[in-house]
Amino acid sequence: MTPLEKIDILDEMINEMINEKDNELEIEEAENIRLCHDQWYITNLWNKHHEEIKELNNWINDLQAGMYVNCVYCGYRYGSDSEVPASMADVLKEHIEKCPKHPLFKANQELKRLNSTINTLIGDALEQGIDLSVPNGKDHLTTPY
């Protein structure tokens, strides 16, 4: 259930409370409950996102200043505060190879897994005496049939 759905349910409950109340004081009490909840929700939401917004604004400022290079997938940044032994592009390339949030990292992991599987299958085939030589001199890994 989303927070907005929860608020809708609370509003319905408070409306029912208001409809069931007989006097102005009870109605005012129910409306105060709604107001307190709304204030609590807004404050909570603001606090939750305030730090993230500050971080993103700092990131934007750094990017606009041209002082840093950032990984757009995990936010890791290299720049003037860190020792950079190579060009920024090289450092970022090295980071991409290690960044678990980057699609190229995931693709490289899958490539390694597939290569390992292929090597295992080739090894098993050779152990069983299966001829893996290329017929008619065609390399079927790079040449279409």
Protein backbone atom coordinates (compact mmCIF):
# COMPACT_ATOMS: atom_id res chain seq x y z
CA MET A 1 0.00 0.00 0.00
CA THR A 2 1.41 3.37 -0.99
CA PRO A 3 1.60 6.30 1.45
CA LEU A 4 -1.08 8.11 -0.57
CA GLU A 5 -3.41 5.11 -0.27
CA LYS A 6 -2.82 5.11 3.48
CA ILE A 7 -3.69 8.81 3.64
CA ASP A 8 -6.89 8.16 1.67
CA ILE A 9 -7.87 5.42 4.12
CA LEU A 10 -7.12 7.68 7.08
CA ASP A 11 -9.19 10.47 5.49
CA GLU A 12 -12.11 8.06 5.07
CA MET A 13 -11.82 6.99 8.71
CA ILE A 14 -11.71 10.61 9.90
CA ASN A 15 -14.69 11.50 7.69
CA GLU A 16 -16.61 8.62 9.27
CA MET A 17 -15.60 9.86 12.73
CA ILE A 18 -16.80 13.37 11.85
CA ASN A 19 -20.12 12.05 10.52
CA GLU A 20 -20.65 10.03 13.72
CA LYS A 21 -19.91 12.96 16.05
CA ASP A 22 -22.77 14.82 17.64
CA ASN A 23 -21.19 18.06 18.72
CA GLU A 24 -18.79 20.66 17.39
CA LEU A 25 -16.06 19.78 19.89
CA GLU A 26 -15.89 16.14 18.77
CA ILE A 27 -15.86 17.19 15.10
CA GLU A 28 -13.05 19.67 15.77
CA GLU A 29 -11.11 16.92 17.58
CA ALA A 30 -11.41 14.58 14.57
CA GLU A 31 -10.29 17.34 12.20
CA ASN A 32 -7.29 18.05 14.45
CA ILE A 33 -6.33 14.37 14.22
CA ARG A 34 -6.35 14.66 10.42
CA LEU A 35 -4.31 17.86 10.53
CA CYS A 36 -1.72 16.29 12.87
CA HIS A 37 -1.39 13.27 10.61
CA ASP A 38 -1.02 15.41 7.50
CA GLN A 39 1.64 17.55 9.18
CA TRP A 40 3.47 14.43 10.37
CA TYR A 41 3.36 12.89 6.89
CA ILE A 42 4.62 16.03 5.16
CA THR A 43 7.43 16.51 7.69
CA ASN A 44 8.46 12.87 7.37
CA LEU A 45 8.44 13.04 3.59
CA TRP A 46 10.46 16.25 3.57
CA ASN A 47 13.05 14.86 6.01
CA LYS A 48 13.32 11.65 4.04
CA HIS A 49 14.16 13.39 0.78
CA HIS A 50 16.00 16.47 2.04
CA GLU A 51 19.39 14.76 2.41
CA GLU A 52 19.10 13.06 -0.98
CA ILE A 53 18.22 16.39 -2.60
CA LYS A 54 21.26 18.03 -0.97
CA GLU A 55 23.54 15.25 -2.24
CA LEU A 56 22.13 15.51 -5.75
CA ASN A 57 22.51 19.30 -5.76
CA ASN A 58 26.14 18.95 -4.66
CA TRP A 59 26.66 16.39 -7.42
CA ILE A 60 25.17 18.76 -10.01
CA ASN A 61 27.38 21.61 -8.78
CA ASP A 62 30.47 19.40 -9.02
CA LEU A 63 29.56 18.28 -12.53
CA GLN A 64 28.96 21.84 -13.68
CA ALA A 65 32.30 22.90 -12.23
CA GLY A 66 34.00 20.16 -14.24
CA MET A 67 36.04 19.10 -11.24
CA TYR A 68 34.79 15.54 -10.99
CA VAL A 69 34.00 12.51 -13.08
CA ASN A 70 31.04 10.50 -11.83
CA CYS A 71 29.66 7.04 -12.40
CA VAL A 72 26.07 7.72 -13.42
CA TYR A 73 24.96 4.33 -12.10
CA CYS A 74 26.24 4.39 -8.51
CA GLY A 75 27.26 8.06 -8.08
CA TYR A 76 30.87 7.27 -7.20
CA ARG A 77 33.04 10.22 -8.11
CA TYR A 78 36.68 10.89 -8.82
CA GLY A 79 38.14 14.32 -8.74
CA SER A 80 40.26 16.95 -7.08
CA ASP A 81 39.95 15.46 -3.58
CA SER A 82 41.21 12.03 -4.65
CA GLU A 83 44.58 10.98 -5.95
CA VAL A 84 44.09 10.18 -9.61
CA PRO A 85 47.04 8.25 -11.04
CA ALA A 86 45.81 8.31 -14.64
CA SER A 87 43.49 10.32 -16.82
CA MET A 88 39.95 10.70 -15.53
CA ALA A 89 38.62 8.59 -18.41
CA ASP A 90 40.97 5.74 -17.48
CA VAL A 91 39.99 5.95 -13.83
CA LEU A 92 36.31 5.90 -14.73
CA LYS A 93 36.88 2.92 -17.04
CA GLU A 94 38.54 1.04 -14.17
CA HIS A 95 35.61 1.92 -11.91
CA ILE A 96 33.07 0.68 -14.47
CA GLU A 97 34.78 -2.71 -14.48
CA LYS A 98 34.15 -2.97 -10.73
CA CYS A 99 30.82 -1.11 -10.31
CA PRO A 100 28.07 -3.68 -9.63
CA LYS A 101 25.38 -1.16 -10.68
CA HIS A 102 26.85 -0.56 -14.13
CA PRO A 103 25.40 -2.59 -17.05
CA LEU A 104 28.87 -3.17 -18.53
CA PHE A 105 29.99 -4.78 -15.28
CA LYS A 106 26.98 -7.08 -15.41
CA ALA A 107 27.64 -7.87 -19.08
CA ASN A 108 31.28 -8.69 -18.34
CA GLN A 109 30.21 -10.96 -15.47
CA GLU A 110 27.81 -12.79 -17.80
CA LEU A 111 30.50 -13.03 -20.48
CA LYS A 112 32.91 -14.58 -17.98
CA ARG A 113 30.23 -17.05 -16.89
CA LEU A 114 29.45 -18.02 -20.49
CA ASN A 115 33.15 -18.38 -21.39
CA SER A 116 33.63 -20.63 -18.39
CA THR A 117 30.65 -22.75 -19.48
CA ILE A 118 32.00 -22.99 -23.04
CA ASN A 119 35.45 -23.99 -21.78
CA THR A 120 33.90 -26.65 -19.54
CA LEU A 121 31.86 -28.02 -22.46
CA ILE A 122 34.90 -28.07 -24.75
CA GLY A 123 36.93 -29.83 -22.06
CA ASP A 124 34.18 -32.42 -21.54
CA ALA A 125 33.88 -32.98 -25.30
CA LEU A 126 37.62 -33.49 -25.69
CA GLU A 127 37.68 -35.92 -22.75
CA GLN A 128 34.93 -37.93 -24.44
CA GLY A 129 36.88 -37.99 -27.70
CA ILE A 130 34.46 -35.80 -29.64
CA ASP A 131 36.05 -34.28 -32.76
CA LEU A 132 35.83 -30.50 -32.51
CA SER A 133 37.73 -29.76 -35.71
CA VAL A 134 36.08 -27.31 -38.05
CA PRO A 135 34.52 -29.01 -41.12
CA ASN A 136 35.33 -27.60 -44.58
CA GLY A 137 37.78 -25.15 -43.04
CA LYS A 138 34.94 -22.90 -41.79
CA ASP A 139 35.09 -21.43 -38.33
CA HIS A 140 31.48 -21.73 -37.17
CA LEU A 141 32.05 -19.35 -34.29
CA THR A 142 32.74 -16.44 -36.64
CA THR A 143 31.43 -17.61 -40.04
CA PRO A 144 27.70 -18.03 -40.69
CA TYR A 145 26.53 -21.43 -42.01
